[in-house]
Amino acid sequence: MQSQNPLIADFVKLANSAAGTFAGMTREARESARERAKEAFGGMDFVTREEFDAVKTMAAKAREETEKLAARIAALEARNP
């Protein structure tokens, strides 16, 4: 059974309006924060995962080559005292 009390009906309308307004404010704040973060991070030079992996592979190869050359130098120095 529904109540016909206008005070309760007005209160329900007010509560619904407040909930809708709050939801809209939350959505707008989230979008604003996301936009500010994009602006802040947009000027920074971040690398992609693929670029990072490529440089990591190149560094590993360079390290291996350096170790081979160091061993070769040590062998040559051991032969010629």
N, C-alpha and C. Protein backbone atom coordinates (compact mmCIF):
# COMPACT_ATOMS: atom_id res chain seq x y z
N MET A 1 0.83 -1.16 0.00
CA MET A 1 0.00 0.00 0.00
C MET A 1 0.89 1.24 0.00
N GLN A 2 0.65 2.14 -0.94
CA GLN A 2 1.45 3.34 -1.05
C GLN A 2 0.93 4.43 -0.15
N SER A 3 1.88 5.21 0.36
CA SER A 3 1.50 6.33 1.22
C SER A 3 1.17 7.54 0.36
N GLN A 4 0.18 8.27 0.74
CA GLN A 4 -0.22 9.47 0.01
C GLN A 4 0.30 10.74 0.70
N ASN A 5 1.20 10.56 1.65
CA ASN A 5 1.73 11.69 2.40
C ASN A 5 2.64 12.52 1.50
N PRO A 6 2.30 13.79 1.23
CA PRO A 6 3.10 14.62 0.33
C PRO A 6 4.49 14.91 0.88
N LEU A 7 4.64 14.93 2.19
CA LEU A 7 5.95 15.18 2.79
C LEU A 7 6.92 14.04 2.45
N ILE A 8 6.44 12.82 2.55
CA ILE A 8 7.27 11.66 2.21
C ILE A 8 7.57 11.64 0.72
N ALA A 9 6.60 11.95 -0.10
CA ALA A 9 6.80 11.98 -1.55
C ALA A 9 7.84 13.04 -1.92
N ASP A 10 7.77 14.21 -1.29
CA ASP A 10 8.75 15.26 -1.54
C ASP A 10 10.15 14.83 -1.09
N PHE A 11 10.21 14.17 0.04
CA PHE A 11 11.49 13.69 0.54
C PHE A 11 12.10 12.66 -0.41
N VAL A 12 11.29 11.76 -0.93
CA VAL A 12 11.77 10.74 -1.87
C VAL A 12 12.27 11.41 -3.14
N LYS A 13 11.53 12.40 -3.64
CA LYS A 13 11.98 13.13 -4.83
C LYS A 13 13.31 13.83 -4.58
N LEU A 14 13.44 14.45 -3.41
CA LEU A 14 14.67 15.13 -3.05
C LEU A 14 15.84 14.15 -2.97
N ALA A 15 15.60 12.99 -2.35
CA ALA A 15 16.65 11.98 -2.24
C ALA A 15 17.07 11.47 -3.62
N ASN A 16 16.11 11.24 -4.50
CA ASN A 16 16.42 10.78 -5.85
C ASN A 16 17.22 11.83 -6.61
N SER A 17 16.82 13.08 -6.48
CA SER A 17 17.55 14.16 -7.15
C SER A 17 18.96 14.28 -6.62
N ALA A 18 19.12 14.17 -5.30
CA ALA A 18 20.44 14.26 -4.70
C ALA A 18 21.33 13.10 -5.16
N ALA A 19 20.78 11.92 -5.25
CA ALA A 19 21.55 10.75 -5.70
C ALA A 19 21.98 10.93 -7.15
N GLY A 20 21.09 11.43 -7.98
CA GLY A 20 21.44 11.67 -9.38
C GLY A 20 22.51 12.74 -9.52
N THR A 21 22.38 13.80 -8.73
CA THR A 21 23.38 14.88 -8.75
C THR A 21 24.73 14.36 -8.28
N PHE A 22 24.74 13.58 -7.22
CA PHE A 22 25.98 13.03 -6.70
C PHE A 22 26.63 12.10 -7.72
N ALA A 23 25.85 11.28 -8.39
CA ALA A 23 26.38 10.38 -9.41
C ALA A 23 27.00 11.19 -10.56
N GLY A 24 26.33 12.26 -10.96
CA GLY A 24 26.86 13.11 -12.02
C GLY A 24 28.14 13.80 -11.62
N MET A 25 28.20 14.27 -10.37
CA MET A 25 29.42 14.92 -9.88
C MET A 25 30.57 13.93 -9.82
N THR A 26 30.29 12.72 -9.39
CA THR A 26 31.33 11.68 -9.32
C THR A 26 31.87 11.38 -10.71
N ARG A 27 30.98 11.22 -11.68
CA ARG A 27 31.37 10.93 -13.05
C ARG A 27 32.22 12.07 -13.62
N GLU A 28 31.78 13.30 -13.38
CA GLU A 28 32.51 14.47 -13.88
C GLU A 28 33.88 14.59 -13.22
N ALA A 29 33.97 14.33 -11.92
CA ALA A 29 35.26 14.39 -11.22
C ALA A 29 36.21 13.33 -11.75
N ARG A 30 35.69 12.13 -12.01
CA ARG A 30 36.52 11.05 -12.54
C ARG A 30 37.06 11.41 -13.91
N GLU A 31 36.20 11.95 -14.77
CA GLU A 31 36.63 12.34 -16.11
C GLU A 31 37.64 13.48 -16.06
N SER A 32 37.44 14.41 -15.15
CA SER A 32 38.37 15.53 -14.99
C SER A 32 39.73 15.03 -14.51
N ALA A 33 39.74 14.13 -13.54
CA ALA A 33 41.00 13.58 -13.04
C ALA A 33 41.71 12.80 -14.13
N ARG A 34 40.97 12.04 -14.92
CA ARG A 34 41.56 11.27 -16.01
C ARG A 34 42.19 12.21 -17.03
N GLU A 35 41.52 13.30 -17.34
CA GLU A 35 42.04 14.28 -18.31
C GLU A 35 43.30 14.96 -17.78
N ARG A 36 43.30 15.32 -16.50
CA ARG A 36 44.50 15.92 -15.90
C ARG A 36 45.67 14.96 -15.91
N ALA A 37 45.41 13.68 -15.65
CA ALA A 37 46.48 12.67 -15.67
C ALA A 37 47.03 12.52 -17.08
N LYS A 38 46.16 12.52 -18.09
CA LYS A 38 46.63 12.44 -19.47
C LYS A 38 47.53 13.61 -19.82
N GLU A 39 47.14 14.81 -19.39
CA GLU A 39 47.95 16.00 -19.65
C GLU A 39 49.29 15.92 -18.94
N ALA A 40 49.29 15.44 -17.70
CA ALA A 40 50.53 15.37 -16.93
C ALA A 40 51.48 14.33 -17.50
N PHE A 41 50.97 13.18 -17.88
CA PHE A 41 51.83 12.12 -18.39
C PHE A 41 52.09 12.23 -19.88
N GLY A 42 51.31 13.06 -20.56
CA GLY A 42 51.46 13.20 -22.00
C GLY A 42 52.80 13.77 -22.41
N GLY A 43 53.38 14.64 -21.61
CA GLY A 43 54.65 15.26 -21.95
C GLY A 43 55.85 14.41 -21.61
N MET A 44 55.64 13.33 -20.89
CA MET A 44 56.76 12.47 -20.49
C MET A 44 57.07 11.47 -21.60
N ASP A 45 58.33 11.11 -21.68
CA ASP A 45 58.76 10.17 -22.71
C ASP A 45 58.79 8.75 -22.13
N PHE A 46 57.70 8.05 -22.27
CA PHE A 46 57.64 6.66 -21.84
C PHE A 46 57.91 5.76 -23.04
N VAL A 47 58.52 4.62 -22.79
CA VAL A 47 58.77 3.68 -23.87
C VAL A 47 57.71 2.59 -23.84
N THR A 48 57.51 1.99 -24.99
CA THR A 48 56.57 0.87 -25.06
C THR A 48 57.25 -0.39 -24.55
N ARG A 49 56.48 -1.39 -24.27
CA ARG A 49 57.03 -2.66 -23.80
C ARG A 49 57.93 -3.27 -24.86
N GLU A 50 57.54 -3.14 -26.14
CA GLU A 50 58.33 -3.70 -27.23
C GLU A 50 59.69 -3.01 -27.31
N GLU A 51 59.71 -1.68 -27.16
CA GLU A 51 60.99 -0.96 -27.19
C GLU A 51 61.87 -1.37 -26.02
N PHE A 52 61.28 -1.51 -24.86
CA PHE A 52 62.04 -1.92 -23.68
C PHE A 52 62.64 -3.31 -23.88
N ASP A 53 61.85 -4.24 -24.39
CA ASP A 53 62.34 -5.60 -24.61
C ASP A 53 63.45 -5.63 -25.66
N ALA A 54 63.34 -4.79 -26.69
CA ALA A 54 64.37 -4.74 -27.73
C ALA A 54 65.69 -4.24 -27.14
N VAL A 55 65.64 -3.20 -26.34
CA VAL A 55 66.87 -2.66 -25.73
C VAL A 55 67.44 -3.66 -24.72
N LYS A 56 66.58 -4.35 -24.01
CA LYS A 56 67.04 -5.35 -23.05
C LYS A 56 67.79 -6.47 -23.77
N THR A 57 67.26 -6.89 -24.92
CA THR A 57 67.92 -7.93 -25.72
C THR A 57 69.27 -7.44 -26.23
N MET A 58 69.31 -6.20 -26.71
CA MET A 58 70.57 -5.63 -27.20
C MET A 58 71.60 -5.55 -26.07
N ALA A 59 71.18 -5.17 -24.88
CA ALA A 59 72.09 -5.07 -23.74
C ALA A 59 72.63 -6.45 -23.36
N ALA A 60 71.78 -7.47 -23.41
CA ALA A 60 72.23 -8.82 -23.09
C ALA A 60 73.27 -9.30 -24.10
N LYS A 61 73.04 -9.01 -25.39
CA LYS A 61 74.01 -9.39 -26.41
C LYS A 61 75.33 -8.64 -26.22
N ALA A 62 75.24 -7.36 -25.90
CA ALA A 62 76.46 -6.57 -25.67
C ALA A 62 77.23 -7.10 -24.47
N ARG A 63 76.52 -7.50 -23.43
CA ARG A 63 77.16 -8.06 -22.24
C ARG A 63 77.88 -9.36 -22.59
N GLU A 64 77.25 -10.23 -23.37
CA GLU A 64 77.87 -11.48 -23.79
C GLU A 64 79.13 -11.21 -24.60
N GLU A 65 79.04 -10.27 -25.52
CA GLU A 65 80.20 -9.92 -26.35
C GLU A 65 81.33 -9.37 -25.49
N THR A 66 81.01 -8.56 -24.51
CA THR A 66 82.02 -8.01 -23.62
C THR A 66 82.71 -9.11 -22.82
N GLU A 67 81.93 -10.07 -22.35
CA GLU A 67 82.51 -11.19 -21.61
C GLU A 67 83.43 -12.02 -22.50
N LYS A 68 83.03 -12.25 -23.76
CA LYS A 68 83.87 -13.00 -24.70
C LYS A 68 85.17 -12.25 -24.95
N LEU A 69 85.08 -10.95 -25.17
CA LEU A 69 86.28 -10.15 -25.42
C LEU A 69 87.19 -10.10 -24.20
N ALA A 70 86.62 -10.02 -23.01
CA ALA A 70 87.42 -10.01 -21.79
C ALA A 70 88.15 -11.34 -21.64
N ALA A 71 87.49 -12.44 -21.94
CA ALA A 71 88.13 -13.76 -21.87
C ALA A 71 89.24 -13.86 -22.91
N ARG A 72 89.00 -13.33 -24.09
CA ARG A 72 90.00 -13.36 -25.16
C ARG A 72 91.23 -12.54 -24.77
N ILE A 73 91.02 -11.37 -24.19
CA ILE A 73 92.14 -10.52 -23.76
C ILE A 73 92.91 -11.23 -22.65
N ALA A 74 92.21 -11.85 -21.71
CA ALA A 74 92.89 -12.56 -20.64
C ALA A 74 93.72 -13.70 -21.20
N ALA A 75 93.21 -14.42 -22.22
CA ALA A 75 93.97 -15.52 -22.82
C ALA A 75 95.19 -14.99 -23.55
N LEU A 76 95.07 -13.87 -24.27
CA LEU A 76 96.21 -13.29 -24.97
C LEU A 76 97.26 -12.78 -24.00
N GLU A 77 96.83 -12.17 -22.91
CA GLU A 77 97.78 -11.70 -21.91
C GLU A 77 98.48 -12.86 -21.21
N ALA A 78 97.80 -13.97 -21.06
CA ALA A 78 98.42 -15.15 -20.42
C ALA A 78 99.46 -15.78 -21.32
N ARG A 79 99.25 -15.70 -22.66
CA ARG A 79 100.22 -16.27 -23.61
C ARG A 79 101.47 -15.42 -23.73
N ASN A 80 101.31 -14.11 -23.64
CA ASN A 80 102.44 -13.19 -23.80
C ASN A 80 102.70 -12.45 -22.50
N PRO A 81 103.53 -13.03 -21.64
CA PRO A 81 103.77 -12.39 -20.35
C PRO A 81 104.64 -11.16 -20.43
